[in-house]
PDB file of all heavy atoms in Angstrom:
ATOM      1  N   THR A   1      96.172 100.472 116.389  1.00  0.00           N
ATOM      2  CA  THR A   1      96.313 101.672 115.645  1.00  0.00           C
ATOM      3  C   THR A   1      97.696 101.760 115.029  1.00  0.00           C
ATOM      4  O   THR A   1      98.648 101.081 115.499  1.00  0.00           O
ATOM      5  CB  THR A   1      96.104 102.925 116.538  1.00  0.00           C
ATOM      6  OG1 THR A   1      96.948 102.880 117.638  1.00  0.00           O
ATOM      7  CG2 THR A   1      94.672 103.058 117.007  1.00  0.00           C
ATOM      8  N   SER A   2      97.851 102.586 114.000  1.00  0.00           N
ATOM      9  CA  SER A   2      99.103 102.666 113.296  1.00  0.00           C
ATOM     10  C   SER A   2     100.012 103.649 114.004  1.00  0.00           C
ATOM     11  O   SER A   2      99.639 104.249 115.010  1.00  0.00           O
ATOM     12  CB  SER A   2      98.746 103.212 111.875  1.00  0.00           C
ATOM     13  OG  SER A   2      98.242 104.520 111.922  1.00  0.00           O
ATOM     14  N   VAL A   3     101.169 103.926 113.399  1.00  0.00           N
ATOM     15  CA  VAL A   3     102.109 104.872 113.955  1.00  0.00           C
ATOM     16  C   VAL A   3     101.443 106.229 114.120  1.00  0.00           C
ATOM     17  O   VAL A   3     101.660 106.857 115.133  1.00  0.00           O
ATOM     18  CB  VAL A   3     103.353 104.964 113.041  1.00  0.00           C
ATOM     19  CG1 VAL A   3     104.276 106.116 113.487  1.00  0.00           C
ATOM     20  CG2 VAL A   3     104.140 103.660 113.075  1.00  0.00           C
ATOM     21  N   GLN A   4     100.656 106.620 113.127  1.00  0.00           N
ATOM     22  CA  GLN A   4     100.016 107.932 113.127  1.00  0.00           C
ATOM     23  C   GLN A   4      98.626 107.912 113.749  1.00  0.00           C
ATOM     24  O   GLN A   4      97.891 108.867 113.611  1.00  0.00           O
ATOM     25  CB  GLN A   4      99.970 108.461 111.711  1.00  0.00           C
ATOM     26  CG  GLN A   4     101.414 108.760 111.139  1.00  0.00           C
ATOM     27  CD  GLN A   4     101.389 109.267 109.723  1.00  0.00           C
ATOM     28  OE1 GLN A   4     100.435 109.027 108.985  1.00  0.00           O
ATOM     29  NE2 GLN A   4     102.471 109.934 109.314  1.00  0.00           N
ATOM     30  N   GLY A   5      98.258 106.793 114.362  1.00  0.00           N
ATOM     31  CA  GLY A   5      97.033 106.749 115.108  1.00  0.00           C
ATOM     32  C   GLY A   5      95.789 106.332 114.349  1.00  0.00           C
ATOM     33  O   GLY A   5      94.715 106.470 114.837  1.00  0.00           O
ATOM     34  N   ARG A   6      95.989 105.802 113.159  1.00  0.00           N
ATOM     35  CA  ARG A   6      94.822 105.360 112.351  1.00  0.00           C
ATOM     36  C   ARG A   6      94.400 103.984 112.761  1.00  0.00           C
ATOM     37  O   ARG A   6      95.230 103.166 113.150  1.00  0.00           O
ATOM     38  CB  ARG A   6      95.181 105.435 110.868  1.00  0.00           C
ATOM     39  CG  ARG A   6      95.419 106.854 110.373  1.00  0.00           C
ATOM     40  CD  ARG A   6      95.611 106.954 108.837  1.00  0.00           C
ATOM     41  NE  ARG A   6      95.702 108.366 108.471  1.00  0.00           N
ATOM     42  CZ  ARG A   6      96.814 109.012 108.374  1.00  0.00           C
ATOM     43  NH1 ARG A   6      97.972 108.453 108.692  1.00  0.00           N
ATOM     44  NH2 ARG A   6      96.826 110.300 108.024  1.00  0.00           N
ATOM     45  N   LYS A   7      93.085 103.694 112.653  1.00  0.00           N
ATOM     46  CA  LYS A   7      92.555 102.487 113.092  1.00  0.00           C
ATOM     47  C   LYS A   7      92.889 101.326 112.240  1.00  0.00           C
ATOM     48  O   LYS A   7      92.893 101.427 110.962  1.00  0.00           O
ATOM     49  CB  LYS A   7      91.042 102.595 113.238  1.00  0.00           C
ATOM     50  CG  LYS A   7      90.537 103.595 114.186  1.00  0.00           C
ATOM     51  CD  LYS A   7      89.035 103.734 114.079  1.00  0.00           C
ATOM     52  CE  LYS A   7      88.493 104.820 114.999  1.00  0.00           C
ATOM     53  NZ  LYS A   7      86.967 104.992 114.925  1.00  0.00           N
ATOM     54  N   ILE A   8      93.205 100.189 112.835  1.00  0.00           N
ATOM     55  CA  ILE A   8      93.318  98.897 112.105  1.00  0.00           C
ATOM     56  C   ILE A   8      92.077  98.063 112.444  1.00  0.00           C
ATOM     57  O   ILE A   8      91.882  97.731 113.617  1.00  0.00           O
ATOM     58  CB  ILE A   8      94.578  98.143 112.495  1.00  0.00           C
ATOM     59  CG1 ILE A   8      95.823  98.970 112.188  1.00  0.00           C
ATOM     60  CG2 ILE A   8      94.675  96.832 111.775  1.00  0.00           C
ATOM     61  CD1 ILE A   8      97.116  98.438 112.820  1.00  0.00           C
ATOM     62  N   GLU A   9      91.201  97.942 111.459  1.00  0.00           N
ATOM     63  CA  GLU A   9      89.850  97.455 111.679  1.00  0.00           C
ATOM     64  C   GLU A   9      89.705  95.952 111.332  1.00  0.00           C
ATOM     65  O   GLU A   9      90.400  95.466 110.408  1.00  0.00           O
ATOM     66  CB  GLU A   9      88.834  98.240 110.955  1.00  0.00           C
ATOM     67  CG  GLU A   9      88.947  99.803 111.254  1.00  0.00           C
ATOM     68  CD  GLU A   9      88.145 100.690 110.387  1.00  0.00           C
ATOM     69  OE1 GLU A   9      88.328 100.523 109.182  1.00  0.00           O
ATOM     70  OE2 GLU A   9      87.387 101.537 110.882  1.00  0.00           O
ATOM     71  N   SER A  10      88.796  95.305 111.980  1.00  0.00           N
ATOM     72  CA  SER A  10      88.460  93.898 111.662  1.00  0.00           C
ATOM     73  C   SER A  10      86.969  93.764 111.680  1.00  0.00           C
ATOM     74  O   SER A  10      86.251  94.429 112.327  1.00  0.00           O
ATOM     75  CB  SER A  10      89.064  92.912 112.678  1.00  0.00           C
ATOM     76  OG  SER A  10      88.489  92.998 113.900  1.00  0.00           O
ATOM     77  N   TYR A  11      86.494  92.788 110.864  1.00  0.00           N
ATOM     78  CA  TYR A  11      85.118  92.412 110.727  1.00  0.00           C
ATOM     79  C   TYR A  11      84.970  90.920 110.854  1.00  0.00           C
ATOM     80  O   TYR A  11      85.587  90.194 110.117  1.00  0.00           O
ATOM     81  CB  TYR A  11      84.507  92.917 109.381  1.00  0.00           C
ATOM     82  CG  TYR A  11      84.676  94.404 109.202  1.00  0.00           C
ATOM     83  CD1 TYR A  11      85.825  94.930 108.622  1.00  0.00           C
ATOM     84  CD2 TYR A  11      83.617  95.268 109.511  1.00  0.00           C
ATOM     85  CE1 TYR A  11      85.944  96.329 108.407  1.00  0.00           C
ATOM     86  CE2 TYR A  11      83.762  96.616 109.322  1.00  0.00           C
ATOM     87  CZ  TYR A  11      84.921  97.138 108.792  1.00  0.00           C
ATOM     88  OH  TYR A  11      85.003  98.488 108.614  1.00  0.00           O
ATOM     89  N   THR A  12      84.231  90.529 111.865  1.00  0.00           N
ATOM     90  CA  THR A  12      84.101  89.045 112.188  1.00  0.00           C
ATOM     91  C   THR A  12      82.731  88.541 111.923  1.00  0.00           C
ATOM     92  O   THR A  12      81.745  89.130 112.405  1.00  0.00           O
ATOM     93  CB  THR A  12      84.506  88.824 113.679  1.00  0.00           C
ATOM     94  OG1 THR A  12      85.788  89.245 113.938  1.00  0.00           O
ATOM     95  CG2 THR A  12      84.393  87.296 113.969  1.00  0.00           C
ATOM     96  N   TYR A  13      82.625  87.459 111.165  1.00  0.00           N
ATOM     97  CA  TYR A  13      81.361  86.874 110.824  1.00  0.00           C
ATOM     98  C   TYR A  13      81.329  85.484 111.490  1.00  0.00           C
ATOM     99  O   TYR A  13      82.109  84.641 111.226  1.00  0.00           O
ATOM    100  CB  TYR A  13      81.248  86.696 109.303  1.00  0.00           C
ATOM    101  CG  TYR A  13      81.278  88.016 108.522  1.00  0.00           C
ATOM    102  CD1 TYR A  13      82.546  88.595 108.227  1.00  0.00           C
ATOM    103  CD2 TYR A  13      80.131  88.632 108.127  1.00  0.00           C
ATOM    104  CE1 TYR A  13      82.580  89.876 107.570  1.00  0.00           C
ATOM    105  CE2 TYR A  13      80.193  89.836 107.454  1.00  0.00           C
ATOM    106  CZ  TYR A  13      81.419  90.453 107.249  1.00  0.00           C
ATOM    107  OH  TYR A  13      81.489  91.600 106.525  1.00  0.00           O
ATOM    108  N   GLY A  14      80.321  85.302 112.380  1.00  0.00           N
ATOM    109  CA  GLY A  14      80.131  84.113 113.076  1.00  0.00           C
ATOM    110  C   GLY A  14      80.840  84.056 114.399  1.00  0.00           C
ATOM    111  O   GLY A  14      81.629  84.945 114.765  1.00  0.00           O
ATOM    112  N   THR A  15      80.527  83.083 115.206  1.00  0.00           N
ATOM    113  CA  THR A  15      81.024  82.969 116.621  1.00  0.00           C
ATOM    114  C   THR A  15      81.868  81.727 116.859  1.00  0.00           C
ATOM    115  O   THR A  15      82.186  81.494 117.995  1.00  0.00           O
ATOM    116  CB  THR A  15      79.819  83.017 117.604  1.00  0.00           C
ATOM    117  OG1 THR A  15      78.929  81.988 117.342  1.00  0.00           O
ATOM    118  CG2 THR A  15      79.093  84.367 117.464  1.00  0.00           C
ATOM    119  N   SER A  16      82.054  80.917 115.853  1.00  0.00           N
ATOM    120  CA  SER A  16      82.829  79.710 116.050  1.00  0.00           C
ATOM    121  C   SER A  16      84.244  79.981 116.461  1.00  0.00           C
ATOM    122  O   SER A  16      84.906  81.025 116.026  1.00  0.00           O
ATOM    123  CB  SER A  16      82.791  78.823 114.778  1.00  0.00           C
ATOM    124  OG  SER A  16      83.593  77.725 114.921  1.00  0.00           O
ATOM    125  N   THR A  17      84.836  79.114 117.214  1.00  0.00           N
ATOM    126  CA  THR A  17      86.216  79.240 117.569  1.00  0.00           C
ATOM    127  C   THR A  17      87.168  78.796 116.406  1.00  0.00           C
ATOM    128  O   THR A  17      88.362  79.121 116.449  1.00  0.00           O
ATOM    129  CB  THR A  17      86.537  78.384 118.851  1.00  0.00           C
ATOM    130  OG1 THR A  17      86.179  77.032 118.569  1.00  0.00           O
ATOM    131  CG2 THR A  17      85.819  78.913 120.021  1.00  0.00           C
ATOM    132  N   LYS A  18      86.602  78.176 115.424  1.00  0.00           N
ATOM    133  CA  LYS A  18      87.333  77.807 114.234  1.00  0.00           C
ATOM    134  C   LYS A  18      87.291  79.010 113.311  1.00  0.00           C
ATOM    135  O   LYS A  18      86.248  79.277 112.634  1.00  0.00           O
ATOM    136  CB  LYS A  18      86.780  76.590 113.542  1.00  0.00           C
ATOM    137  CG  LYS A  18      87.598  76.088 112.383  1.00  0.00           C
ATOM    138  CD  LYS A  18      86.799  75.073 111.514  1.00  0.00           C
ATOM    139  CE  LYS A  18      86.557  73.757 112.262  1.00  0.00           C
ATOM    140  NZ  LYS A  18      85.876  72.757 111.393  1.00  0.00           N
ATOM    141  N   LYS A  19      88.434  79.765 113.262  1.00  0.00           N
ATOM    142  CA  LYS A  19      88.420  81.048 112.504  1.00  0.00           C
ATOM    143  C   LYS A  19      89.372  81.002 111.339  1.00  0.00           C
ATOM    144  O   LYS A  19      90.456  80.496 111.378  1.00  0.00           O
ATOM    145  CB  LYS A  19      88.808  82.193 113.499  1.00  0.00           C
ATOM    146  CG  LYS A  19      87.762  82.474 114.477  1.00  0.00           C
ATOM    147  CD  LYS A  19      88.178  83.715 115.298  1.00  0.00           C
ATOM    148  CE  LYS A  19      87.050  84.281 116.185  1.00  0.00           C
ATOM    149  NZ  LYS A  19      86.531  83.279 117.120  1.00  0.00           N
ATOM    150  N   LEU A  20      88.910  81.606 110.239  1.00  0.00           N
ATOM    151  CA  LEU A  20      89.685  81.830 109.050  1.00  0.00           C
ATOM    152  C   LEU A  20      89.849  83.305 108.811  1.00  0.00           C
ATOM    153  O   LEU A  20      88.818  83.998 108.733  1.00  0.00           O
ATOM    154  CB  LEU A  20      88.979  81.147 107.894  1.00  0.00           C
ATOM    155  CG  LEU A  20      89.622  81.250 106.479  1.00  0.00           C
ATOM    156  CD1 LEU A  20      91.016  80.687 106.458  1.00  0.00           C
ATOM    157  CD2 LEU A  20      88.784  80.543 105.417  1.00  0.00           C
ATOM    158  N   VAL A  21      91.042  83.754 108.722  1.00  0.00           N
ATOM    159  CA  VAL A  21      91.356  85.214 108.710  1.00  0.00           C
ATOM    160  C   VAL A  21      91.879  85.637 107.360  1.00  0.00           C
ATOM    161  O   VAL A  21      92.795  84.940 106.812  1.00  0.00           O
ATOM    162  CB  VAL A  21      92.380  85.622 109.808  1.00  0.00           C
ATOM    163  CG1 VAL A  21      92.679  87.119 109.763  1.00  0.00           C
ATOM    164  CG2 VAL A  21      91.804  85.214 111.180  1.00  0.00           C
ATOM    165  N   PHE A  22      91.378  86.715 106.829  1.00  0.00           N
ATOM    166  CA  PHE A  22      91.844  87.274 105.517  1.00  0.00           C
ATOM    167  C   PHE A  22      92.384  88.710 105.790  1.00  0.00           C
ATOM    168  O   PHE A  22      91.736  89.499 106.431  1.00  0.00           O
ATOM    169  CB  PHE A  22      90.716  87.344 104.537  1.00  0.00           C
ATOM    170  CG  PHE A  22      90.230  85.999 104.068  1.00  0.00           C
ATOM    171  CD1 PHE A  22      89.270  85.331 104.863  1.00  0.00           C
ATOM    172  CD2 PHE A  22      90.691  85.431 102.903  1.00  0.00           C
ATOM    173  CE1 PHE A  22      88.780  84.070 104.400  1.00  0.00           C
ATOM    174  CE2 PHE A  22      90.207  84.192 102.500  1.00  0.00           C
ATOM    175  CZ  PHE A  22      89.308  83.529 103.268  1.00  0.00           C
ATOM    176  N   VAL A  23      93.597  88.995 105.349  1.00  0.00           N
ATOM    177  CA  VAL A  23      94.261  90.247 105.631  1.00  0.00           C
ATOM    178  C   VAL A  23      94.689  90.931 104.349  1.00  0.00           C
ATOM    179  O   VAL A  23      95.370  90.315 103.443  1.00  0.00           O
ATOM    180  CB  VAL A  23      95.506  90.020 106.485  1.00  0.00           C
ATOM    181  CG1 VAL A  23      96.099  91.381 106.873  1.00  0.00           C
ATOM    182  CG2 VAL A  23      95.130  89.272 107.786  1.00  0.00           C
ATOM    183  N   GLY A  24      94.352  92.209 104.202  1.00  0.00           N
ATOM    184  CA  GLY A  24      94.832  93.011 103.086  1.00  0.00           C
ATOM    185  C   GLY A  24      95.706  94.155 103.507  1.00  0.00           C
ATOM    186  O   GLY A  24      95.797  94.440 104.732  1.00  0.00           O
ATOM    187  N   GLY A  25      96.313  94.828 102.596  1.00  0.00           N
ATOM    188  CA  GLY A  25      96.988  96.091 102.848  1.00  0.00           C
ATOM    189  C   GLY A  25      98.205  96.051 103.734  1.00  0.00           C
ATOM    190  O   GLY A  25      98.588  97.033 104.328  1.00  0.00           O
ATOM    191  N   VAL A  26      98.886  94.923 103.795  1.00  0.00           N
ATOM    192  CA  VAL A  26     100.126  94.849 104.601  1.00  0.00           C
ATOM    193  C   VAL A  26     101.124  95.873 104.012  1.00  0.00           C
ATOM    194  O   VAL A  26     101.830  96.572 104.808  1.00  0.00           O
ATOM    195  CB  VAL A  26     100.737  93.471 104.568  1.00  0.00           C
ATOM    196  CG1 VAL A  26     102.148  93.440 105.330  1.00  0.00           C
ATOM    197  CG2 VAL A  26      99.815  92.404 105.241  1.00  0.00           C
ATOM    198  N   HIS A  27     101.081  96.087 102.713  1.00  0.00           N
ATOM    199  CA  HIS A  27     102.001  97.052 102.068  1.00  0.00           C
ATOM    200  C   HIS A  27     101.197  98.334 101.673  1.00  0.00           C
ATOM    201  O   HIS A  27     101.574  99.005 100.691  1.00  0.00           O
ATOM    202  CB  HIS A  27     102.723  96.410 100.906  1.00  0.00           C
ATOM    203  CG  HIS A  27     103.754  95.462 101.356  1.00  0.00           C
ATOM    204  ND1 HIS A  27     103.988  94.249 100.749  1.00  0.00           N
ATOM    205  CD2 HIS A  27     104.647  95.496 102.423  1.00  0.00           C
ATOM    206  CE1 HIS A  27     104.983  93.620 101.311  1.00  0.00           C
ATOM    207  NE2 HIS A  27     105.329  94.342 102.346  1.00  0.00           N
ATOM    208  N   GLY A  28     100.130  98.640 102.416  1.00  0.00           N
ATOM    209  CA  GLY A  28      99.473  99.888 102.287  1.00  0.00           C
ATOM    210  C   GLY A  28      99.107 100.315 100.900  1.00  0.00           C
ATOM    211  O   GLY A  28      98.557  99.562 100.096  1.00  0.00           O
ATOM    212  N   GLY A  29      99.359 101.572 100.571  1.00  0.00           N
ATOM    213  CA  GLY A  29      98.980 102.187  99.314  1.00  0.00           C
ATOM    214  C   GLY A  29      99.703 101.557  98.121  1.00  0.00           C
ATOM    215  O   GLY A  29      99.233 101.607  96.992  1.00  0.00           O
ATOM    216  N   TYR A  30     100.812 101.044  98.340  1.00  0.00           N
ATOM    217  CA  TYR A  30     101.607 100.419  97.266  1.00  0.00           C
ATOM    218  C   TYR A  30     100.845  99.199  96.693  1.00  0.00           C
ATOM    219  O   TYR A  30     100.938  98.934  95.481  1.00  0.00           O
ATOM    220  CB  TYR A  30     103.002  99.924  97.755  1.00  0.00           C
ATOM    221  CG  TYR A  30     103.846  99.253  96.726  1.00  0.00           C
ATOM    222  CD1 TYR A  30     104.333  99.996  95.616  1.00  0.00           C
ATOM    223  CD2 TYR A  30     104.136  97.936  96.861  1.00  0.00           C
ATOM    224  CE1 TYR A  30     105.132  99.319  94.657  1.00  0.00           C
ATOM    225  CE2 TYR A  30     104.941  97.306  95.913  1.00  0.00           C
ATOM    226  CZ  TYR A  30     105.399  97.943  94.805  1.00  0.00           C
ATOM    227  OH  TYR A  30     106.126  97.358  93.832  1.00  0.00           O
ATOM    228  N   GLU A  31     100.137  98.515  97.583  1.00  0.00           N
ATOM    229  CA  GLU A  31      99.276  97.416  97.135  1.00  0.00           C
ATOM    230  C   GLU A  31      97.836  97.720  97.547  1.00  0.00           C
ATOM    231  O   GLU A  31      97.131  96.890  98.123  1.00  0.00           O
ATOM    232  CB  GLU A  31      99.775  96.122  97.788  1.00  0.00           C
ATOM    233  CG  GLU A  31     101.221  95.686  97.306  1.00  0.00           C
ATOM    234  CD  GLU A  31     101.671  94.392  97.908  1.00  0.00           C
ATOM    235  OE1 GLU A  31     101.002  93.868  98.863  1.00  0.00           O
ATOM    236  OE2 GLU A  31     102.798  93.993  97.566  1.00  0.00           O
ATOM    237  N   TRP A  32      97.388  98.864  97.038  1.00  0.00           N
ATOM    238  CA  TRP A  32      96.025  99.303  97.353  1.00  0.00           C
ATOM    239  C   TRP A  32      94.995  98.342  96.862  1.00  0.00           C
ATOM    240  O   TRP A  32      93.868  98.250  97.412  1.00  0.00           O
ATOM    241  CB  TRP A  32      95.763 100.700  96.756  1.00  0.00           C
ATOM    242  CG  TRP A  32      95.982 100.827  95.295  1.00  0.00           C
ATOM    243  CD1 TRP A  32      97.086 101.159  94.642  1.00  0.00           C
ATOM    244  CD2 TRP A  32      94.948 100.517  94.288  1.00  0.00           C
ATOM    245  NE1 TRP A  32      96.882 101.087  93.275  1.00  0.00           N
ATOM    246  CE2 TRP A  32      95.612 100.660  93.043  1.00  0.00           C
ATOM    247  CE3 TRP A  32      93.655 100.088  94.309  1.00  0.00           C
ATOM    248  CZ2 TRP A  32      94.964 100.436  91.825  1.00  0.00           C
ATOM    249  CZ3 TRP A  32      92.959  99.834  93.082  1.00  0.00           C
ATOM    250  CH2 TRP A  32      93.628 100.040  91.895  1.00  0.00           C
ATOM    251  N   ASN A  33      95.241  97.615  95.751  1.00  0.00           N
ATOM    252  CA  ASN A  33      94.252  96.672  95.250  1.00  0.00           C
ATOM    253  C   ASN A  33      93.922  95.525  96.214  1.00  0.00           C
ATOM    254  O   ASN A  33      92.840  94.980  96.239  1.00  0.00           O
ATOM    255  CB  ASN A  33      94.642  96.149  93.881  1.00  0.00           C
ATOM    256  CG  ASN A  33      96.031  95.453  93.833  1.00  0.00           C
ATOM    257  OD1 ASN A  33      96.872  95.731  94.722  1.00  0.00           O
ATOM    258  ND2 ASN A  33      96.276  94.610  92.872  1.00  0.00           N
ATOM    259  N   SER A  34      94.944  95.193  97.081  1.00  0.00           N
ATOM    260  CA  SER A  34      94.641  94.192  98.067  1.00  0.00           C
ATOM    261  C   SER A  34      93.690  94.659  99.141  1.00  0.00           C
ATOM    262  O   SER A  34      92.914  93.916  99.687  1.00  0.00           O
ATOM    263  CB  SER A  34      95.942  93.720  98.748  1.00  0.00           C
ATOM    264  OG  SER A  34      96.481  94.710  99.602  1.00  0.00           O
ATOM    265  N   ILE A  35      93.704  96.023  99.376  1.00  0.00           N
ATOM    266  CA  ILE A  35      92.700  96.586 100.298  1.00  0.00           C
ATOM    267  C   ILE A  35      91.310  96.592  99.729  1.00  0.00           C
ATOM    268  O   ILE A  35      90.308  96.206 100.355  1.00  0.00           O
ATOM    269  CB  ILE A  35      93.145  98.028 100.695  1.00  0.00           C
ATOM    270  CG1 ILE A  35      94.523  98.036 101.296  1.00  0.00           C
ATOM    271  CG2 ILE A  35      92.153  98.650 101.689  1.00  0.00           C
ATOM    272  CD1 ILE A  35      95.144  99.415 101.460  1.00  0.00           C
TER     273      ILE A  35
END
């Protein structure tokens, strides 16, 4: 959760231990298009 208690969510497709992760929104609303 964030400082203000909002959820940081993830969605996982597949069960393999070989995982590729994609992350958006590190800079929040300033880079809203990444979200």
